[in-house]
Amino acid sequence: MPKKKFHVHINDNFCKRCGICYWICPTKTIIKGELGKPEVPDHDKCIGCLMCENACPDFAIDVVEREAVKKDV
């Protein structure tokens, strides 16, 4: 069974740059960017724990599972 992959979407219109998401992320998928804006440089690091999504006071983060790419052998 392949490892699940996730996409972290941060809605800039809702985000107030509080920093909770990059403080709480266990894999440091979300990092502090310019002017405190959260950024996701590598979505493959996300393990789908949803800690950032659940902790965000502004409901600005959505973590969604990406479709697995099946390779025919």
N, C-alpha and C. Protein backbone atom coordinates (compact mmCIF):
# COMPACT_ATOMS: atom_id res chain seq x y z
N MET A 1 0.85 -1.18 0.00
CA MET A 1 0.00 0.00 0.00
C MET A 1 0.89 1.25 0.00
N PRO A 2 0.67 2.14 -0.95
CA PRO A 2 1.51 3.35 -1.01
C PRO A 2 1.19 4.32 0.12
N LYS A 3 2.18 5.09 0.44
CA LYS A 3 2.01 6.11 1.47
C LYS A 3 1.04 7.19 0.99
N LYS A 4 0.15 7.60 1.87
CA LYS A 4 -0.80 8.66 1.51
C LYS A 4 -0.07 9.99 1.40
N LYS A 5 -0.53 10.80 0.46
CA LYS A 5 0.06 12.13 0.27
C LYS A 5 -1.03 13.17 0.48
N PHE A 6 -0.62 14.31 1.00
CA PHE A 6 -1.57 15.35 1.36
C PHE A 6 -1.16 16.69 0.76
N HIS A 7 -2.14 17.53 0.58
CA HIS A 7 -1.92 18.89 0.10
C HIS A 7 -2.42 19.84 1.19
N VAL A 8 -1.59 20.78 1.59
CA VAL A 8 -1.95 21.76 2.61
C VAL A 8 -2.30 23.07 1.91
N HIS A 9 -3.56 23.47 2.01
CA HIS A 9 -3.99 24.72 1.39
C HIS A 9 -4.21 25.76 2.49
N ILE A 10 -3.55 26.90 2.34
CA ILE A 10 -3.70 28.01 3.30
C ILE A 10 -4.42 29.15 2.59
N ASN A 11 -5.57 29.51 3.10
CA ASN A 11 -6.37 30.59 2.52
C ASN A 11 -5.83 31.93 3.06
N ASP A 12 -5.15 32.67 2.21
CA ASP A 12 -4.54 33.94 2.62
C ASP A 12 -5.57 34.99 3.02
N ASN A 13 -6.79 34.86 2.52
CA ASN A 13 -7.84 35.82 2.88
C ASN A 13 -8.31 35.66 4.32
N PHE A 14 -8.20 34.45 4.87
CA PHE A 14 -8.61 34.21 6.26
C PHE A 14 -7.45 34.29 7.24
N CYS A 15 -6.24 33.97 6.79
CA CYS A 15 -5.07 33.88 7.67
C CYS A 15 -4.69 35.25 8.23
N LYS A 16 -4.47 35.29 9.55
CA LYS A 16 -4.02 36.54 10.18
C LYS A 16 -2.55 36.46 10.62
N ARG A 17 -1.86 35.39 10.17
CA ARG A 17 -0.43 35.21 10.42
C ARG A 17 -0.08 35.09 11.91
N CYS A 18 -0.88 34.32 12.63
CA CYS A 18 -0.65 34.16 14.08
C CYS A 18 0.53 33.24 14.37
N GLY A 19 0.87 32.33 13.45
CA GLY A 19 2.02 31.45 13.62
C GLY A 19 1.74 30.13 14.30
N ILE A 20 0.51 29.89 14.70
CA ILE A 20 0.19 28.63 15.38
C ILE A 20 0.48 27.44 14.47
N CYS A 21 0.16 27.54 13.19
CA CYS A 21 0.32 26.41 12.27
C CYS A 21 1.77 25.96 12.15
N TYR A 22 2.69 26.89 11.96
CA TYR A 22 4.08 26.46 11.82
C TYR A 22 4.72 26.18 13.16
N TRP A 23 4.14 26.62 14.23
CA TRP A 23 4.63 26.27 15.56
C TRP A 23 4.23 24.85 15.92
N ILE A 24 3.02 24.43 15.53
CA ILE A 24 2.48 23.14 15.94
C ILE A 24 2.80 22.00 14.97
N CYS A 25 3.18 22.29 13.75
CA CYS A 25 3.40 21.25 12.73
C CYS A 25 4.57 20.34 13.11
N PRO A 26 4.31 19.03 13.30
CA PRO A 26 5.38 18.13 13.75
C PRO A 26 6.45 17.85 12.70
N THR A 27 6.11 17.99 11.43
CA THR A 27 7.08 17.70 10.36
C THR A 27 7.65 18.96 9.74
N LYS A 28 7.24 20.11 10.24
CA LYS A 28 7.67 21.41 9.71
C LYS A 28 7.35 21.54 8.22
N THR A 29 6.19 21.00 7.83
CA THR A 29 5.70 21.17 6.47
C THR A 29 5.35 22.64 6.24
N ILE A 30 4.74 23.24 7.25
CA ILE A 30 4.40 24.67 7.19
C ILE A 30 5.53 25.43 7.87
N ILE A 31 6.08 26.38 7.16
CA ILE A 31 7.19 27.17 7.72
C ILE A 31 6.81 28.65 7.72
N LYS A 32 7.55 29.40 8.51
CA LYS A 32 7.34 30.85 8.58
C LYS A 32 7.99 31.50 7.37
N GLY A 33 7.17 32.20 6.62
CA GLY A 33 7.67 32.88 5.43
C GLY A 33 7.86 34.36 5.68
N GLU A 34 7.89 35.10 4.61
CA GLU A 34 8.08 36.55 4.67
C GLU A 34 6.94 37.21 5.43
N LEU A 35 7.27 38.10 6.35
CA LEU A 35 6.32 38.83 7.20
C LEU A 35 5.42 37.91 8.01
N GLY A 36 5.94 36.72 8.36
CA GLY A 36 5.19 35.79 9.19
C GLY A 36 4.13 34.99 8.46
N LYS A 37 4.10 35.11 7.15
CA LYS A 37 3.10 34.38 6.36
C LYS A 37 3.49 32.89 6.32
N PRO A 38 2.54 31.99 6.64
CA PRO A 38 2.86 30.56 6.56
C PRO A 38 3.01 30.12 5.12
N GLU A 39 4.01 29.27 4.88
CA GLU A 39 4.29 28.77 3.54
C GLU A 39 4.49 27.26 3.59
N VAL A 40 4.19 26.60 2.49
CA VAL A 40 4.37 25.16 2.37
C VAL A 40 5.26 24.89 1.16
N PRO A 41 6.58 24.81 1.38
CA PRO A 41 7.48 24.60 0.24
C PRO A 41 7.46 23.15 -0.29
N ASP A 42 7.12 22.17 0.56
CA ASP A 42 7.15 20.77 0.14
C ASP A 42 5.95 20.04 0.74
N HIS A 43 4.91 19.85 -0.05
CA HIS A 43 3.69 19.19 0.42
C HIS A 43 3.93 17.72 0.76
N ASP A 44 4.98 17.11 0.20
CA ASP A 44 5.25 15.70 0.45
C ASP A 44 5.66 15.42 1.90
N LYS A 45 6.06 16.42 2.65
CA LYS A 45 6.43 16.23 4.05
C LYS A 45 5.22 16.05 4.95
N CYS A 46 4.04 16.47 4.49
CA CYS A 46 2.83 16.42 5.30
C CYS A 46 2.41 14.98 5.55
N ILE A 47 2.12 14.65 6.82
CA ILE A 47 1.68 13.31 7.19
C ILE A 47 0.18 13.23 7.41
N GLY A 48 -0.51 14.35 7.26
CA GLY A 48 -1.96 14.36 7.38
C GLY A 48 -2.49 14.26 8.80
N CYS A 49 -1.75 14.77 9.76
CA CYS A 49 -2.18 14.69 11.17
C CYS A 49 -3.30 15.68 11.50
N LEU A 50 -3.46 16.70 10.67
CA LEU A 50 -4.50 17.73 10.81
C LEU A 50 -4.34 18.62 12.03
N MET A 51 -3.18 18.60 12.67
CA MET A 51 -2.96 19.46 13.83
C MET A 51 -3.07 20.93 13.45
N CYS A 52 -2.52 21.31 12.31
CA CYS A 52 -2.57 22.71 11.88
C CYS A 52 -4.00 23.12 11.57
N GLU A 53 -4.72 22.26 10.88
CA GLU A 53 -6.10 22.57 10.51
C GLU A 53 -6.99 22.72 11.76
N ASN A 54 -6.81 21.84 12.72
CA ASN A 54 -7.62 21.90 13.94
C ASN A 54 -7.24 23.05 14.86
N ALA A 55 -5.98 23.47 14.83
CA ALA A 55 -5.53 24.53 15.73
C ALA A 55 -5.74 25.94 15.16
N CYS A 56 -5.98 26.05 13.87
CA CYS A 56 -6.10 27.36 13.24
C CYS A 56 -7.36 28.08 13.73
N PRO A 57 -7.19 29.23 14.39
CA PRO A 57 -8.36 29.95 14.91
C PRO A 57 -9.18 30.64 13.82
N ASP A 58 -8.63 30.76 12.62
CA ASP A 58 -9.30 31.46 11.53
C ASP A 58 -9.87 30.52 10.47
N PHE A 59 -9.76 29.20 10.67
CA PHE A 59 -10.23 28.21 9.70
C PHE A 59 -9.62 28.46 8.33
N ALA A 60 -8.35 28.82 8.32
CA ALA A 60 -7.67 29.19 7.07
C ALA A 60 -6.92 28.03 6.43
N ILE A 61 -6.89 26.86 7.08
CA ILE A 61 -6.09 25.74 6.57
C ILE A 61 -6.98 24.55 6.25
N ASP A 62 -6.76 23.99 5.07
CA ASP A 62 -7.42 22.75 4.67
C ASP A 62 -6.35 21.76 4.26
N VAL A 63 -6.37 20.59 4.89
CA VAL A 63 -5.46 19.51 4.52
C VAL A 63 -6.29 18.46 3.81
N VAL A 64 -5.96 18.20 2.56
CA VAL A 64 -6.71 17.22 1.78
C VAL A 64 -5.78 16.15 1.22
N GLU A 65 -6.31 14.94 1.16
CA GLU A 65 -5.53 13.84 0.62
C GLU A 65 -5.47 13.95 -0.90
N ARG A 66 -4.27 13.76 -1.43
CA ARG A 66 -4.09 13.79 -2.88
C ARG A 66 -4.37 12.39 -3.42
N GLU A 67 -4.80 12.36 -4.65
CA GLU A 67 -5.04 11.07 -5.30
C GLU A 67 -3.72 10.33 -5.51
N ALA A 68 -3.73 9.07 -5.16
CA ALA A 68 -2.54 8.25 -5.38
C ALA A 68 -2.40 7.95 -6.87
N VAL A 69 -1.21 8.09 -7.35
CA VAL A 69 -0.95 7.79 -8.76
C VAL A 69 -0.59 6.31 -8.85
N LYS A 70 -1.41 5.57 -9.58
CA LYS A 70 -1.17 4.14 -9.73
C LYS A 70 -0.27 3.91 -10.94
N LYS A 71 0.76 3.12 -10.72
CA LYS A 71 1.69 2.82 -11.81
C LYS A 71 1.44 1.39 -12.27
N ASP A 72 1.23 1.23 -13.55
CA ASP A 72 1.07 -0.11 -14.12
C ASP A 72 2.45 -0.68 -14.40
N VAL A 73 2.63 -1.92 -13.96
CA VAL A 73 3.94 -2.55 -14.13
C VAL A 73 3.91 -3.46 -15.32
